[in-house]
Amino acid sequence: MISPKMVAAHSSSHPSASAEWIICLDKRPEERSGEDVDIILARLKSVKAFDKFHPALLQQICLCGFYECLEKGITLYRQGDIGTNWYTVLSGSLDVKVSETANHQDAVTICTLGIGTAFGESILDNTPRHATIVTREFSELLRIEQREFRTLWEKYQKHLWSLESKMLRTSTLVCH
């Protein structure tokens, strides 16, 4: 069942949300056809965060990635949580908040992640998240689950590592 927030996010009020590619990404990976992968691939090639990805890696991301759309003020995860997903910001922005106590109410925003930023690498070694991530505005993300990301990491580690650092240098990251 689609939630009202998801229906609103898929409406034409957000021009970056092309219904066709989102529908393809909303399918379970095993249900995606070759045409679905081609549609996702065409969209991801237009995203600066992915323009330097090796074609085989980008193809694999199309096979295992998921589309997430989140309204403003949604907590993606909290500091201390064990991660389950890796993300790339396709549109919008997210605040990175840290707390020195277990009380998330005193968290301070230390930076803002923008378009092209990838985050969530703690899923590689199951370490707790170092920050709380909250949407600053309507945001679209590409999400890859832990098991699939580990597989991609093992196969494309050298490429992903260099791209990760390039993404951080070229993406929108605003420190407070």
C-alpha atoms as a PDB file:
ATOM      1  CA  MET A   1       0.000   0.000   0.000  1.00  0.00           C
ATOM      2  CA  ILE A   2       1.323   3.453  -0.919  1.00  0.00           C
ATOM      3  CA  SER A   3       1.291   6.010   1.860  1.00  0.00           C
ATOM      4  CA  PRO A   4      -0.168   9.507   1.273  1.00  0.00           C
ATOM      5  CA  LYS A   5       3.332  10.988   1.650  1.00  0.00           C
ATOM      6  CA  MET A   6       4.632   8.701  -1.093  1.00  0.00           C
ATOM      7  CA  VAL A   7       1.763   9.638  -3.429  1.00  0.00           C
ATOM      8  CA  ALA A   8       2.506  13.327  -2.854  1.00  0.00           C
ATOM      9  CA  ALA A   9       6.198  12.735  -3.490  1.00  0.00           C
ATOM     10  CA  HIS A  10       5.454  11.109  -6.833  1.00  0.00           C
ATOM     11  CA  SER A  11       3.320  13.999  -8.033  1.00  0.00           C
ATOM     12  CA  SER A  12       4.398  16.597 -10.571  1.00  0.00           C
ATOM     13  CA  SER A  13       5.192  19.132  -7.830  1.00  0.00           C
ATOM     14  CA  HIS A  14       8.707  17.614  -7.792  1.00  0.00           C
ATOM     15  CA  PRO A  15      10.023  17.821 -11.373  1.00  0.00           C
ATOM     16  CA  SER A  16      13.068  15.619 -10.703  1.00  0.00           C
ATOM     17  CA  ALA A  17      10.802  12.664  -9.991  1.00  0.00           C
ATOM     18  CA  SER A  18      10.241  10.956 -13.337  1.00  0.00           C
ATOM     19  CA  ALA A  19       7.496   8.445 -12.705  1.00  0.00           C
ATOM     20  CA  GLU A  20       8.883   5.842 -15.110  1.00  0.00           C
ATOM     21  CA  TRP A  21      12.308   5.395 -13.520  1.00  0.00           C
ATOM     22  CA  ILE A  22      10.835   5.550 -10.016  1.00  0.00           C
ATOM     23  CA  ILE A  23       8.364   2.811 -10.873  1.00  0.00           C
ATOM     24  CA  CYS A  24      11.299   0.684 -12.091  1.00  0.00           C
ATOM     25  CA  LEU A  25      13.289   1.300  -8.879  1.00  0.00           C
ATOM     26  CA  ASP A  26      10.233   0.557  -6.748  1.00  0.00           C
ATOM     27  CA  LYS A  27      10.154  -2.998  -8.116  1.00  0.00           C
ATOM     28  CA  ARG A  28      11.948  -5.746  -6.249  1.00  0.00           C
ATOM     29  CA  PRO A  29      15.320  -6.333  -7.905  1.00  0.00           C
ATOM     30  CA  GLU A  30      14.371  -9.843  -9.049  1.00  0.00           C
ATOM     31  CA  GLU A  31      11.264  -8.395 -10.770  1.00  0.00           C
ATOM     32  CA  ARG A  32      13.185  -5.783 -12.820  1.00  0.00           C
ATOM     33  CA  SER A  33      13.346  -6.415 -16.534  1.00  0.00           C
ATOM     34  CA  GLY A  34      16.185  -5.477 -18.846  1.00  0.00           C
ATOM     35  CA  GLU A  35      14.089  -2.504 -19.957  1.00  0.00           C
ATOM     36  CA  ASP A  36      13.650  -1.424 -16.314  1.00  0.00           C
ATOM     37  CA  VAL A  37      17.420  -1.527 -15.796  1.00  0.00           C
ATOM     38  CA  ASP A  38      17.952   0.520 -18.987  1.00  0.00           C
ATOM     39  CA  ILE A  39      15.490   3.168 -17.770  1.00  0.00           C
ATOM     40  CA  ILE A  40      17.169   3.361 -14.339  1.00  0.00           C
ATOM     41  CA  LEU A  41      20.604   3.444 -15.973  1.00  0.00           C
ATOM     42  CA  ALA A  42      19.630   6.356 -18.235  1.00  0.00           C
ATOM     43  CA  ARG A  43      18.435   8.348 -15.204  1.00  0.00           C
ATOM     44  CA  LEU A  44      21.466   7.571 -13.038  1.00  0.00           C
ATOM     45  CA  LYS A  45      23.854   8.526 -15.851  1.00  0.00           C
ATOM     46  CA  SER A  46      22.352  12.020 -15.675  1.00  0.00           C
ATOM     47  CA  VAL A  47      23.168  12.303 -11.946  1.00  0.00           C
ATOM     48  CA  LYS A  48      26.543  13.935 -11.333  1.00  0.00           C
ATOM     49  CA  ALA A  49      27.229  11.598  -8.398  1.00  0.00           C
ATOM     50  CA  PHE A  50      27.355   8.656 -10.820  1.00  0.00           C
ATOM     51  CA  ASP A  51      28.974  10.191 -13.899  1.00  0.00           C
ATOM     52  CA  LYS A  52      32.398   8.647 -13.158  1.00  0.00           C
ATOM     53  CA  PHE A  53      31.149   5.210 -12.138  1.00  0.00           C
ATOM     54  CA  HIS A  54      32.424   2.239 -14.102  1.00  0.00           C
ATOM     55  CA  PRO A  55      29.579   1.047 -16.407  1.00  0.00           C
ATOM     56  CA  ALA A  56      29.519  -2.436 -14.822  1.00  0.00           C
ATOM     57  CA  LEU A  57      29.217  -0.923 -11.339  1.00  0.00           C
ATOM     58  CA  LEU A  58      26.446   1.428 -12.420  1.00  0.00           C
ATOM     59  CA  GLN A  59      24.619  -1.530 -13.992  1.00  0.00           C
ATOM     60  CA  GLN A  60      24.848  -3.435 -10.687  1.00  0.00           C
ATOM     61  CA  ILE A  61      23.520  -0.410  -8.787  1.00  0.00           C
ATOM     62  CA  CYS A  62      20.542  -0.364 -11.164  1.00  0.00           C
ATOM     63  CA  LEU A  63      19.893  -3.992 -10.317  1.00  0.00           C
ATOM     64  CA  CYS A  64      19.995  -3.610  -6.526  1.00  0.00           C
ATOM     65  CA  GLY A  65      19.229   0.047  -5.709  1.00  0.00           C
ATOM     66  CA  PHE A  66      15.972   1.418  -4.357  1.00  0.00           C
ATOM     67  CA  TYR A  67      14.371   4.852  -4.627  1.00  0.00           C
ATOM     68  CA  GLU A  68      13.517   6.690  -1.416  1.00  0.00           C
ATOM     69  CA  CYS A  69      11.567   9.929  -1.239  1.00  0.00           C
ATOM     70  CA  LEU A  70      11.340  11.630   2.123  1.00  0.00           C
ATOM     71  CA  GLU A  71       9.469  14.721   3.211  1.00  0.00           C
ATOM     72  CA  LYS A  72      11.145  17.470   5.244  1.00  0.00           C
ATOM     73  CA  GLY A  73      11.918  16.600   8.873  1.00  0.00           C
ATOM     74  CA  ILE A  74      12.116  12.812   8.484  1.00  0.00           C
ATOM     75  CA  THR A  75      14.832  11.059  10.511  1.00  0.00           C
ATOM     76  CA  LEU A  76      16.573   8.582   8.213  1.00  0.00           C
ATOM     77  CA  TYR A  77      18.554   7.049  11.085  1.00  0.00           C
ATOM     78  CA  ARG A  78      19.842   7.974  14.543  1.00  0.00           C
ATOM     79  CA  GLN A  79      23.319   8.240  15.991  1.00  0.00           C
ATOM     80  CA  GLY A  80      24.159   4.881  17.586  1.00  0.00           C
ATOM     81  CA  ASP A  81      21.944   2.816  15.255  1.00  0.00           C
ATOM     82  CA  ILE A  82      23.592  -0.068  13.451  1.00  0.00           C
ATOM     83  CA  GLY A  83      23.383   0.730   9.749  1.00  0.00           C
ATOM     84  CA  THR A  84      21.533  -1.352   7.216  1.00  0.00           C
ATOM     85  CA  ASN A  85      21.790   0.822   4.082  1.00  0.00           C
ATOM     86  CA  TRP A  86      24.122   3.022   2.032  1.00  0.00           C
ATOM     87  CA  TYR A  87      22.680   6.141   0.377  1.00  0.00           C
ATOM     88  CA  THR A  88      23.328   8.722  -2.317  1.00  0.00           C
ATOM     89  CA  VAL A  89      21.451  12.046  -2.381  1.00  0.00           C
ATOM     90  CA  LEU A  90      19.711  12.507  -5.737  1.00  0.00           C
ATOM     91  CA  SER A  91      17.861  15.710  -4.786  1.00  0.00           C
ATOM     92  CA  GLY A  92      17.239  17.756  -1.679  1.00  0.00           C
ATOM     93  CA  SER A  93      19.449  17.934   1.396  1.00  0.00           C
ATOM     94  CA  LEU A  94      19.884  16.270   4.782  1.00  0.00           C
ATOM     95  CA  ASP A  95      21.280  17.577   8.066  1.00  0.00           C
ATOM     96  CA  VAL A  96      23.959  15.632   9.905  1.00  0.00           C
ATOM     97  CA  LYS A  97      23.388  15.969  13.651  1.00  0.00           C
ATOM     98  CA  VAL A  98      25.605  14.792  16.490  1.00  0.00           C
ATOM     99  CA  SER A  99      24.925  14.519  20.195  1.00  0.00           C
ATOM    100  CA  GLU A 100      27.446  14.141  22.986  1.00  0.00           C
ATOM    101  CA  THR A 101      24.851  12.363  25.122  1.00  0.00           C
ATOM    102  CA  ALA A 102      22.368   9.591  24.501  1.00  0.00           C
ATOM    103  CA  ASN A 103      19.650  12.264  24.381  1.00  0.00           C
ATOM    104  CA  HIS A 104      18.987  13.078  20.721  1.00  0.00           C
ATOM    105  CA  GLN A 105      17.219  16.300  21.747  1.00  0.00           C
ATOM    106  CA  ASP A 106      20.571  18.073  22.254  1.00  0.00           C
ATOM    107  CA  ALA A 107      21.961  17.094  18.843  1.00  0.00           C
ATOM    108  CA  VAL A 108      23.751  19.831  16.929  1.00  0.00           C
ATOM    109  CA  THR A 109      23.793  20.103  13.131  1.00  0.00           C
ATOM    110  CA  ILE A 110      27.416  19.850  12.015  1.00  0.00           C
ATOM    111  CA  CYS A 111      26.883  19.825   8.244  1.00  0.00           C
ATOM    112  CA  THR A 112      24.354  19.390   5.472  1.00  0.00           C
ATOM    113  CA  LEU A 113      24.575  16.703   2.794  1.00  0.00           C
ATOM    114  CA  GLY A 114      23.489  17.796  -0.670  1.00  0.00           C
ATOM    115  CA  ILE A 115      23.043  16.396  -4.136  1.00  0.00           C
ATOM    116  CA  GLY A 116      25.717  13.876  -5.054  1.00  0.00           C
ATOM    117  CA  THR A 117      26.764  13.020  -1.510  1.00  0.00           C
ATOM    118  CA  ALA A 118      27.101   9.334  -0.612  1.00  0.00           C
ATOM    119  CA  PHE A 119      26.911   8.217   3.003  1.00  0.00           C
ATOM    120  CA  GLY A 120      26.398   5.174   5.190  1.00  0.00           C
ATOM    121  CA  GLU A 121      29.699   3.321   4.847  1.00  0.00           C
ATOM    122  CA  SER A 122      29.473   2.079   8.451  1.00  0.00           C
ATOM    123  CA  ILE A 123      27.430  -0.820   7.064  1.00  0.00           C
ATOM    124  CA  LEU A 124      30.689  -2.400   5.924  1.00  0.00           C
ATOM    125  CA  ASP A 125      31.814  -3.203   9.457  1.00  0.00           C
ATOM    126  CA  ASN A 126      28.565  -2.961  11.445  1.00  0.00           C
ATOM    127  CA  THR A 127      29.781  -0.021  13.512  1.00  0.00           C
ATOM    128  CA  PRO A 128      27.144   2.255  15.036  1.00  0.00           C
ATOM    129  CA  ARG A 129      26.151   5.339  13.058  1.00  0.00           C
ATOM    130  CA  HIS A 130      28.193   8.355  14.117  1.00  0.00           C
ATOM    131  CA  ALA A 131      25.392  10.858  13.512  1.00  0.00           C
ATOM    132  CA  THR A 132      21.664  11.326  13.115  1.00  0.00           C
ATOM    133  CA  ILE A 133      20.520  12.153   9.579  1.00  0.00           C
ATOM    134  CA  VAL A 134      17.371  14.282   9.127  1.00  0.00           C
ATOM    135  CA  THR A 135      15.905  15.612   5.884  1.00  0.00           C
ATOM    136  CA  ARG A 136      16.221  19.381   5.600  1.00  0.00           C
ATOM    137  CA  GLU A 137      13.715  19.478   2.731  1.00  0.00           C
ATOM    138  CA  PHE A 138      11.971  17.025   0.416  1.00  0.00           C
ATOM    139  CA  SER A 139      14.767  14.656  -0.607  1.00  0.00           C
ATOM    140  CA  GLU A 140      15.248  11.812  -3.060  1.00  0.00           C
ATOM    141  CA  LEU A 141      17.791   9.119  -2.265  1.00  0.00           C
ATOM    142  CA  LEU A 142      19.166   6.029  -3.895  1.00  0.00           C
ATOM    143  CA  ARG A 143      19.412   3.300  -1.252  1.00  0.00           C
ATOM    144  CA  ILE A 144      21.437   0.098  -1.399  1.00  0.00           C
ATOM    145  CA  GLU A 145      20.927  -2.544   1.259  1.00  0.00           C
ATOM    146  CA  GLN A 146      23.869  -3.806   3.298  1.00  0.00           C
ATOM    147  CA  ARG A 147      24.270  -7.235   1.712  1.00  0.00           C
ATOM    148  CA  GLU A 148      24.253  -5.848  -1.835  1.00  0.00           C
ATOM    149  CA  PHE A 149      26.567  -2.964  -0.903  1.00  0.00           C
ATOM    150  CA  ARG A 150      29.073  -5.374   0.636  1.00  0.00           C
ATOM    151  CA  THR A 151      29.032  -7.430  -2.557  1.00  0.00           C
ATOM    152  CA  LEU A 152      29.590  -4.299  -4.660  1.00  0.00           C
ATOM    153  CA  TRP A 153      32.333  -3.163  -2.260  1.00  0.00           C
ATOM    154  CA  GLU A 154      34.172  -6.480  -2.540  1.00  0.00           C
ATOM    155  CA  LYS A 155      34.039  -6.408  -6.327  1.00  0.00           C
ATOM    156  CA  TYR A 156      34.562  -2.662  -6.926  1.00  0.00           C
ATOM    157  CA  GLN A 157      36.307  -1.522  -3.709  1.00  0.00           C
ATOM    158  CA  LYS A 158      39.112   0.371  -5.389  1.00  0.00           C
ATOM    159  CA  HIS A 159      36.695   2.164  -7.691  1.00  0.00           C
ATOM    160  CA  LEU A 160      34.149   2.905  -4.956  1.00  0.00           C
ATOM    161  CA  TRP A 161      36.790   4.211  -2.564  1.00  0.00           C
ATOM    162  CA  SER A 162      38.175   6.714  -5.084  1.00  0.00           C
ATOM    163  CA  LEU A 163      34.672   7.724  -6.135  1.00  0.00           C
ATOM    164  CA  GLU A 164      33.609   8.177  -2.518  1.00  0.00           C
ATOM    165  CA  SER A 165      36.383  10.699  -1.953  1.00  0.00           C
ATOM    166  CA  LYS A 166      35.628  12.428  -5.288  1.00  0.00           C
ATOM    167  CA  MET A 167      31.937  12.624  -4.347  1.00  0.00           C
ATOM    168  CA  LEU A 168      32.804  14.294  -1.071  1.00  0.00           C
ATOM    169  CA  ARG A 169      35.034  16.801  -2.880  1.00  0.00           C
ATOM    170  CA  THR A 170      32.500  17.622  -5.614  1.00  0.00           C
ATOM    171  CA  SER A 171      29.163  17.149  -3.869  1.00  0.00           C
ATOM    172  CA  THR A 172      27.213  19.712  -1.961  1.00  0.00           C
ATOM    173  CA  LEU A 173      28.421  19.495   1.641  1.00  0.00           C
ATOM    174  CA  VAL A 174      27.792  22.508   3.824  1.00  0.00           C
ATOM    175  CA  CYS A 175      29.547  22.564   7.193  1.00  0.00           C
ATOM    176  CA  HIS A 176      28.047  24.617  10.016  1.00  0.00           C
END
